[in-house]
Amino acid sequence: MKVVIASDHGGVNLRNEIGELLKEMNIEFEDMGCDCEGSVDYPDYGIPAAERVASGEFDLGILICGTGIGMSIAANKVKGIRCALVHDVFSAKMTRAHNNSNVIAMGERVIGPGLAREIAKAWLESEYEGGRHENRVSKITEYENK
């Protein structure tokens, strides 16, 4: 499994925490930044990371900004991305199992590092169930490909 992580200025600390988790889990990853103190624009980090997941270069992506909202909106503009904004463990599990999400977004100003680690770990360890969910996910893909 290969994972890409990225954040804007509002998610640097949480992104670093997720990077440490990925190291602990022995998951190959690339950190696309940002490593800045000043304000930056979340699409400049979220879209390139999502594109790398959509291209198949990475299996999954984790994006972080202040609330996670901006990153999730930006990532979902990339064809082939199913990004879920997640701030609890149950939703993290369900978005992989039922929606086959390939990117998640979280907000550093919304959750703390301990919960963020639990969310990321649960999401990374969950698998898509397919079955009855496949028809629903396929409808999204079909619409996207119009």
N, C-alpha and C. Protein backbone atom coordinates (compact mmCIF):
# COMPACT_ATOMS: atom_id res chain seq x y z
N MET A 1 0.84 -1.18 0.00
CA MET A 1 0.00 0.00 0.00
C MET A 1 0.88 1.24 0.00
N LYS A 2 0.51 2.19 -0.86
CA LYS A 2 1.22 3.47 -0.91
C LYS A 2 0.21 4.59 -0.66
N VAL A 3 0.58 5.50 0.23
CA VAL A 3 -0.31 6.57 0.65
C VAL A 3 0.37 7.91 0.44
N VAL A 4 -0.41 8.88 -0.03
CA VAL A 4 0.09 10.26 -0.14
C VAL A 4 -0.63 11.09 0.91
N ILE A 5 0.10 11.97 1.58
CA ILE A 5 -0.51 12.87 2.55
C ILE A 5 -0.15 14.30 2.18
N ALA A 6 -1.07 15.21 2.48
CA ALA A 6 -0.83 16.63 2.20
C ALA A 6 -1.71 17.46 3.12
N SER A 7 -1.28 18.71 3.31
CA SER A 7 -2.08 19.64 4.11
C SER A 7 -1.80 21.06 3.66
N ASP A 8 -2.66 21.95 4.10
CA ASP A 8 -2.36 23.37 3.98
C ASP A 8 -1.78 23.81 5.33
N HIS A 9 -1.62 25.10 5.53
CA HIS A 9 -1.04 25.62 6.77
C HIS A 9 -1.85 25.24 8.01
N GLY A 10 -3.15 25.04 7.84
CA GLY A 10 -4.02 24.71 8.97
C GLY A 10 -3.96 23.26 9.41
N GLY A 11 -3.21 22.43 8.67
CA GLY A 11 -3.17 21.01 9.00
C GLY A 11 -1.78 20.43 9.16
N VAL A 12 -0.77 21.29 9.26
CA VAL A 12 0.62 20.82 9.31
C VAL A 12 0.87 19.87 10.48
N ASN A 13 0.43 20.24 11.66
CA ASN A 13 0.72 19.42 12.84
C ASN A 13 0.04 18.05 12.76
N LEU A 14 -1.20 18.03 12.33
CA LEU A 14 -1.91 16.76 12.20
C LEU A 14 -1.32 15.90 11.09
N ARG A 15 -0.91 16.54 9.99
CA ARG A 15 -0.28 15.80 8.90
C ARG A 15 1.01 15.15 9.39
N ASN A 16 1.80 15.86 10.17
CA ASN A 16 3.02 15.27 10.73
C ASN A 16 2.71 14.09 11.63
N GLU A 17 1.63 14.19 12.39
CA GLU A 17 1.20 13.09 13.26
C GLU A 17 0.81 11.87 12.43
N ILE A 18 0.10 12.09 11.35
CA ILE A 18 -0.31 10.98 10.47
C ILE A 18 0.92 10.36 9.80
N GLY A 19 1.89 11.18 9.45
CA GLY A 19 3.14 10.66 8.90
C GLY A 19 3.82 9.71 9.88
N GLU A 20 3.83 10.07 11.15
CA GLU A 20 4.42 9.20 12.18
C GLU A 20 3.64 7.89 12.28
N LEU A 21 2.32 7.97 12.22
CA LEU A 21 1.49 6.76 12.25
C LEU A 21 1.83 5.84 11.08
N LEU A 22 1.95 6.40 9.89
CA LEU A 22 2.25 5.60 8.71
C LEU A 22 3.62 4.91 8.86
N LYS A 23 4.58 5.61 9.43
CA LYS A 23 5.89 4.99 9.70
C LYS A 23 5.73 3.82 10.66
N GLU A 24 4.96 4.02 11.73
CA GLU A 24 4.73 2.96 12.71
C GLU A 24 4.04 1.75 12.10
N MET A 25 3.16 2.01 11.12
CA MET A 25 2.42 0.93 10.47
C MET A 25 3.20 0.33 9.29
N ASN A 26 4.42 0.82 9.06
CA ASN A 26 5.26 0.38 7.95
C ASN A 26 4.56 0.52 6.60
N ILE A 27 3.86 1.64 6.44
CA ILE A 27 3.18 1.93 5.19
C ILE A 27 4.02 2.94 4.41
N GLU A 28 4.28 2.62 3.17
CA GLU A 28 5.03 3.52 2.30
C GLU A 28 4.18 4.75 2.03
N PHE A 29 4.77 5.94 2.17
CA PHE A 29 4.01 7.15 1.93
C PHE A 29 4.92 8.27 1.44
N GLU A 30 4.26 9.27 0.86
CA GLU A 30 4.94 10.50 0.47
C GLU A 30 4.19 11.67 1.07
N ASP A 31 4.94 12.58 1.66
CA ASP A 31 4.39 13.78 2.25
C ASP A 31 4.58 14.92 1.26
N MET A 32 3.47 15.45 0.75
CA MET A 32 3.51 16.52 -0.24
C MET A 32 3.43 17.92 0.38
N GLY A 33 3.58 18.01 1.69
CA GLY A 33 3.58 19.32 2.32
C GLY A 33 2.18 19.79 2.66
N CYS A 34 2.09 20.99 3.14
CA CYS A 34 3.04 22.09 3.08
C CYS A 34 3.86 22.16 4.37
N ASP A 35 5.00 22.77 4.25
CA ASP A 35 5.86 22.97 5.42
C ASP A 35 6.08 24.46 5.60
N CYS A 36 5.00 25.17 5.81
CA CYS A 36 5.09 26.61 5.89
C CYS A 36 4.31 27.13 7.09
N GLU A 37 4.66 28.32 7.51
CA GLU A 37 3.95 28.94 8.62
C GLU A 37 2.89 29.91 8.12
N GLY A 38 3.09 30.44 6.93
CA GLY A 38 2.15 31.40 6.37
C GLY A 38 0.99 30.72 5.69
N SER A 39 -0.05 31.49 5.46
CA SER A 39 -1.26 30.99 4.81
C SER A 39 -0.99 30.55 3.38
N VAL A 40 -1.52 29.38 3.03
CA VAL A 40 -1.46 28.88 1.65
C VAL A 40 -2.86 28.43 1.25
N ASP A 41 -3.04 28.13 -0.02
CA ASP A 41 -4.34 27.73 -0.53
C ASP A 41 -4.45 26.21 -0.60
N TYR A 42 -5.46 25.65 0.08
CA TYR A 42 -5.61 24.19 0.15
C TYR A 42 -5.71 23.51 -1.21
N PRO A 43 -6.31 24.12 -2.26
CA PRO A 43 -6.34 23.41 -3.55
C PRO A 43 -4.94 23.15 -4.12
N ASP A 44 -3.98 24.00 -3.77
CA ASP A 44 -2.62 23.84 -4.27
C ASP A 44 -1.95 22.58 -3.74
N TYR A 45 -2.48 22.02 -2.67
CA TYR A 45 -1.94 20.79 -2.08
C TYR A 45 -2.90 19.62 -2.24
N GLY A 46 -4.18 19.86 -2.07
CA GLY A 46 -5.16 18.79 -2.14
C GLY A 46 -5.37 18.23 -3.53
N ILE A 47 -5.44 19.11 -4.53
CA ILE A 47 -5.68 18.63 -5.89
C ILE A 47 -4.50 17.81 -6.42
N PRO A 48 -3.25 18.27 -6.30
CA PRO A 48 -2.14 17.43 -6.78
C PRO A 48 -2.05 16.08 -6.07
N ALA A 49 -2.33 16.06 -4.78
CA ALA A 49 -2.31 14.78 -4.06
C ALA A 49 -3.41 13.86 -4.57
N ALA A 50 -4.61 14.40 -4.77
CA ALA A 50 -5.72 13.60 -5.28
C ALA A 50 -5.44 13.10 -6.69
N GLU A 51 -4.80 13.92 -7.50
CA GLU A 51 -4.45 13.50 -8.86
C GLU A 51 -3.51 12.31 -8.84
N ARG A 52 -2.63 12.27 -7.87
CA ARG A 52 -1.68 11.16 -7.78
C ARG A 52 -2.36 9.87 -7.34
N VAL A 53 -3.43 9.99 -6.57
CA VAL A 53 -4.23 8.80 -6.23
C VAL A 53 -5.03 8.38 -7.46
N ALA A 54 -5.67 9.34 -8.12
CA ALA A 54 -6.48 9.02 -9.30
C ALA A 54 -5.65 8.37 -10.41
N SER A 55 -4.38 8.76 -10.53
CA SER A 55 -3.52 8.21 -11.57
C SER A 55 -3.05 6.79 -11.26
N GLY A 56 -3.22 6.37 -10.00
CA GLY A 56 -2.77 5.04 -9.59
C GLY A 56 -1.37 5.03 -9.01
N GLU A 57 -0.73 6.18 -8.99
CA GLU A 57 0.61 6.26 -8.40
C GLU A 57 0.56 5.92 -6.90
N PHE A 58 -0.52 6.34 -6.25
CA PHE A 58 -0.75 6.03 -4.83
C PHE A 58 -2.09 5.33 -4.71
N ASP A 59 -2.21 4.45 -3.73
CA ASP A 59 -3.45 3.73 -3.49
C ASP A 59 -4.47 4.59 -2.78
N LEU A 60 -4.00 5.35 -1.81
CA LEU A 60 -4.88 6.14 -0.95
C LEU A 60 -4.25 7.49 -0.63
N GLY A 61 -5.10 8.42 -0.20
CA GLY A 61 -4.61 9.74 0.19
C GLY A 61 -5.27 10.23 1.46
N ILE A 62 -4.52 10.99 2.24
CA ILE A 62 -5.03 11.61 3.46
C ILE A 62 -4.70 13.10 3.39
N LEU A 63 -5.75 13.93 3.45
CA LEU A 63 -5.61 15.37 3.31
C LEU A 63 -6.09 16.06 4.57
N ILE A 64 -5.39 17.12 4.96
CA ILE A 64 -5.73 17.81 6.20
C ILE A 64 -5.67 19.32 5.99
N CYS A 65 -6.70 19.99 6.44
CA CYS A 65 -6.70 21.45 6.51
C CYS A 65 -7.33 21.82 7.85
N GLY A 66 -7.73 23.05 8.02
CA GLY A 66 -8.30 23.47 9.30
C GLY A 66 -9.55 22.70 9.68
N THR A 67 -10.47 22.56 8.73
CA THR A 67 -11.72 21.83 8.99
C THR A 67 -11.82 20.53 8.22
N GLY A 68 -11.03 20.37 7.18
CA GLY A 68 -11.13 19.22 6.28
C GLY A 68 -12.10 19.48 5.14
N ILE A 69 -12.93 20.50 5.27
CA ILE A 69 -13.96 20.77 4.27
C ILE A 69 -13.35 21.20 2.94
N GLY A 70 -12.47 22.17 2.97
CA GLY A 70 -11.86 22.65 1.73
C GLY A 70 -11.11 21.57 0.99
N MET A 71 -10.33 20.79 1.72
CA MET A 71 -9.57 19.71 1.10
C MET A 71 -10.50 18.68 0.47
N SER A 72 -11.60 18.35 1.16
CA SER A 72 -12.51 17.34 0.61
C SER A 72 -13.20 17.85 -0.65
N ILE A 73 -13.60 19.11 -0.65
CA ILE A 73 -14.23 19.68 -1.84
C ILE A 73 -13.25 19.68 -3.00
N ALA A 74 -12.02 20.14 -2.75
CA ALA A 74 -11.01 20.19 -3.81
C ALA A 74 -10.70 18.80 -4.36
N ALA A 75 -10.49 17.84 -3.47
CA ALA A 75 -10.14 16.48 -3.91
C ALA A 75 -11.25 15.86 -4.74
N ASN A 76 -12.48 16.12 -4.36
CA ASN A 76 -13.61 15.52 -5.08
C ASN A 76 -13.84 16.12 -6.46
N LYS A 77 -13.12 17.14 -6.82
CA LYS A 77 -13.18 17.69 -8.18
C LYS A 77 -12.31 16.87 -9.14
N VAL A 78 -11.45 16.02 -8.60
CA VAL A 78 -10.56 15.20 -9.41
C VAL A 78 -11.31 13.93 -9.80
N LYS A 79 -11.39 13.68 -11.10
CA LYS A 79 -12.08 12.50 -11.61
C LYS A 79 -11.45 11.23 -11.02
N GLY A 80 -12.31 10.37 -10.50
CA GLY A 80 -11.84 9.11 -9.92
C GLY A 80 -11.62 9.15 -8.43
N ILE A 81 -11.80 10.31 -7.83
CA ILE A 81 -11.60 10.43 -6.38
C ILE A 81 -12.94 10.38 -5.66
N ARG A 82 -12.95 9.61 -4.59
CA ARG A 82 -14.07 9.55 -3.66
C ARG A 82 -13.51 9.91 -2.29
N CYS A 83 -13.52 11.20 -2.00
CA CYS A 83 -12.95 11.71 -0.75
C CYS A 83 -14.06 11.92 0.26
N ALA A 84 -13.85 11.40 1.45
CA ALA A 84 -14.81 11.56 2.54
C ALA A 84 -14.21 12.42 3.64
N LEU A 85 -14.98 13.38 4.10
CA LEU A 85 -14.61 14.17 5.26
C LEU A 85 -14.96 13.34 6.50
N VAL A 86 -13.97 13.03 7.31
CA VAL A 86 -14.17 12.09 8.42
C VAL A 86 -13.61 12.66 9.72
N HIS A 87 -14.47 12.62 10.76
CA HIS A 87 -14.03 13.08 12.07
C HIS A 87 -14.40 12.09 13.18
N ASP A 88 -14.72 10.85 12.79
CA ASP A 88 -14.98 9.80 13.78
C ASP A 88 -14.58 8.45 13.18
N VAL A 89 -14.28 7.51 14.05
CA VAL A 89 -13.78 6.20 13.64
C VAL A 89 -14.82 5.40 12.86
N PHE A 90 -16.07 5.42 13.30
CA PHE A 90 -17.11 4.65 12.62
C PHE A 90 -17.25 5.10 11.16
N SER A 91 -17.31 6.40 10.94
CA SER A 91 -17.43 6.91 9.56
C SER A 91 -16.22 6.54 8.72
N ALA A 92 -15.05 6.53 9.33
CA ALA A 92 -13.84 6.15 8.60
C ALA A 92 -13.95 4.71 8.11
N LYS A 93 -14.39 3.82 8.98
CA LYS A 93 -14.56 2.42 8.59
C LYS A 93 -15.62 2.28 7.51
N MET A 94 -16.74 2.96 7.68
CA MET A 94 -17.86 2.82 6.75
C MET A 94 -17.55 3.41 5.37
N THR A 95 -16.78 4.50 5.32
CA THR A 95 -16.50 5.08 4.02
C THR A 95 -15.58 4.20 3.18
N ARG A 96 -14.76 3.41 3.82
CA ARG A 96 -13.97 2.42 3.07
C ARG A 96 -14.84 1.22 2.72
N ALA A 97 -15.57 0.72 3.69
CA ALA A 97 -16.35 -0.51 3.50
C ALA A 97 -17.50 -0.33 2.52
N HIS A 98 -18.18 0.79 2.58
CA HIS A 98 -19.39 0.98 1.77
C HIS A 98 -19.22 1.89 0.57
N ASN A 99 -18.34 2.90 0.68
CA ASN A 99 -18.19 3.88 -0.40
C ASN A 99 -16.91 3.71 -1.20
N ASN A 100 -16.05 2.80 -0.77
CA ASN A 100 -14.76 2.58 -1.43
C ASN A 100 -14.00 3.90 -1.58
N SER A 101 -14.00 4.71 -0.53
CA SER A 101 -13.28 5.97 -0.58
C SER A 101 -11.79 5.71 -0.78
N ASN A 102 -11.18 6.56 -1.58
CA ASN A 102 -9.74 6.43 -1.80
C ASN A 102 -8.96 7.60 -1.22
N VAL A 103 -9.67 8.56 -0.66
CA VAL A 103 -9.06 9.70 0.02
C VAL A 103 -9.95 10.06 1.20
N ILE A 104 -9.32 10.46 2.31
CA ILE A 104 -10.07 11.05 3.41
C ILE A 104 -9.50 12.43 3.70
N ALA A 105 -10.35 13.26 4.25
CA ALA A 105 -9.94 14.59 4.70
C ALA A 105 -10.32 14.73 6.17
N MET A 106 -9.46 15.41 6.91
CA MET A 106 -9.71 15.68 8.33
C MET A 106 -9.36 17.13 8.62
N GLY A 107 -9.90 17.64 9.72
CA GLY A 107 -9.63 19.01 10.13
C GLY A 107 -8.85 19.09 11.42
N GLU A 108 -7.70 19.73 11.36
CA GLU A 108 -6.86 19.88 12.56
C GLU A 108 -7.54 20.73 13.63
N ARG A 109 -8.37 21.66 13.23
CA ARG A 109 -9.05 22.52 14.20
C ARG A 109 -10.32 21.86 14.75
N VAL A 110 -10.63 20.67 14.23
CA VAL A 110 -11.84 19.97 14.64
C VAL A 110 -11.52 18.80 15.56
N ILE A 111 -10.46 18.06 15.26
CA ILE A 111 -10.10 16.89 16.07
C ILE A 111 -8.64 16.97 16.50
N GLY A 112 -8.31 16.25 17.53
CA GLY A 112 -6.95 16.21 18.04
C GLY A 112 -6.15 15.09 17.43
N PRO A 113 -4.87 15.06 17.75
CA PRO A 113 -3.97 14.07 17.14
C PRO A 113 -4.29 12.62 17.49
N GLY A 114 -4.73 12.37 18.71
CA GLY A 114 -5.05 10.99 19.09
C GLY A 114 -6.21 10.43 18.28
N LEU A 115 -7.26 11.20 18.16
CA LEU A 115 -8.42 10.75 17.38
C LEU A 115 -8.06 10.67 15.90
N ALA A 116 -7.29 11.60 15.40
CA ALA A 116 -6.88 11.56 13.99
C ALA A 116 -6.11 10.28 13.68
N ARG A 117 -5.26 9.88 14.58
CA ARG A 117 -4.51 8.63 14.39
C ARG A 117 -5.46 7.43 14.37
N GLU A 118 -6.43 7.40 15.28
CA GLU A 118 -7.40 6.30 15.32
C GLU A 118 -8.22 6.25 14.04
N ILE A 119 -8.63 7.41 13.55
CA ILE A 119 -9.41 7.50 12.32
C ILE A 119 -8.60 6.98 11.14
N ALA A 120 -7.39 7.49 11.00
CA ALA A 120 -6.54 7.08 9.88
C ALA A 120 -6.25 5.58 9.92
N LYS A 121 -5.94 5.07 11.11
CA LYS A 121 -5.64 3.65 11.25
C LYS A 121 -6.86 2.79 10.89
N ALA A 122 -8.03 3.17 11.39
CA ALA A 122 -9.25 2.42 11.09
C ALA A 122 -9.53 2.44 9.59
N TRP A 123 -9.37 3.59 8.96
CA TRP A 123 -9.62 3.72 7.52
C TRP A 123 -8.63 2.88 6.72
N LEU A 124 -7.36 2.97 7.08
CA LEU A 124 -6.33 2.23 6.35
C LEU A 124 -6.49 0.71 6.50
N GLU A 125 -7.01 0.27 7.62
CA GLU A 125 -7.16 -1.15 7.87
C GLU A 125 -8.48 -1.72 7.38
N SER A 126 -9.40 -0.86 6.98
CA SER A 126 -10.70 -1.31 6.48
C SER A 126 -10.60 -1.64 5.00
N GLU A 127 -11.51 -2.51 4.55
CA GLU A 127 -11.53 -2.89 3.14
C GLU A 127 -12.92 -2.69 2.57
N TYR A 128 -12.96 -2.42 1.30
CA TYR A 128 -14.22 -2.27 0.58
C TYR A 128 -14.95 -3.60 0.55
N GLU A 129 -16.22 -3.59 0.91
CA GLU A 129 -17.02 -4.82 0.95
C GLU A 129 -17.59 -5.22 -0.39
N GLY A 130 -17.72 -4.27 -1.31
CA GLY A 130 -18.31 -4.60 -2.61
C GLY A 130 -19.75 -5.04 -2.42
N GLY A 131 -20.14 -6.10 -3.10
CA GLY A 131 -21.49 -6.65 -2.95
C GLY A 131 -22.56 -5.61 -3.24
N ARG A 132 -23.49 -5.45 -2.32
CA ARG A 132 -24.61 -4.53 -2.52
C ARG A 132 -24.16 -3.09 -2.69
N HIS A 133 -22.95 -2.78 -2.25
CA HIS A 133 -22.44 -1.41 -2.35
C HIS A 133 -21.87 -1.11 -3.74
N GLU A 134 -21.51 -2.15 -4.47
CA GLU A 134 -20.89 -1.97 -5.78
C GLU A 134 -21.79 -1.21 -6.75
N ASN A 135 -23.07 -1.52 -6.76
CA ASN A 135 -24.00 -0.84 -7.66
C ASN A 135 -24.03 0.66 -7.37
N ARG A 136 -24.00 1.03 -6.11
CA ARG A 136 -24.05 2.44 -5.72
C ARG A 136 -22.78 3.17 -6.12
N VAL A 137 -21.65 2.58 -5.84
CA VAL A 137 -20.38 3.20 -6.21
C VAL A 137 -20.27 3.29 -7.73
N SER A 138 -20.73 2.26 -8.42
CA SER A 138 -20.70 2.28 -9.89
C SER A 138 -21.54 3.39 -10.47
N LYS A 139 -22.66 3.71 -9.84
CA LYS A 139 -23.49 4.82 -10.31
C LYS A 139 -22.76 6.15 -10.24
N ILE A 140 -21.97 6.32 -9.20
CA ILE A 140 -21.16 7.54 -9.07
C ILE A 140 -20.11 7.59 -10.18
N THR A 141 -19.44 6.49 -10.41
CA THR A 141 -18.42 6.42 -11.46
C THR A 141 -19.04 6.65 -12.83
N GLU A 142 -20.19 6.04 -13.10
CA GLU A 142 -20.86 6.23 -14.38
C GLU A 142 -21.22 7.70 -14.60
N TYR A 143 -21.74 8.34 -13.59
CA TYR A 143 -22.09 9.75 -13.70
C TYR A 143 -20.85 10.61 -13.98
N GLU A 144 -19.81 10.30 -13.26
CA GLU A 144 -18.55 11.02 -13.39
C GLU A 144 -17.97 10.88 -14.80
N ASN A 145 -18.21 9.74 -15.44
CA ASN A 145 -17.65 9.48 -16.75
C ASN A 145 -18.52 9.96 -17.90
N LYS A 146 -19.63 10.63 -17.63
CA LYS A 146 -20.49 11.16 -18.70
C LYS A 146 -19.76 12.24 -19.48
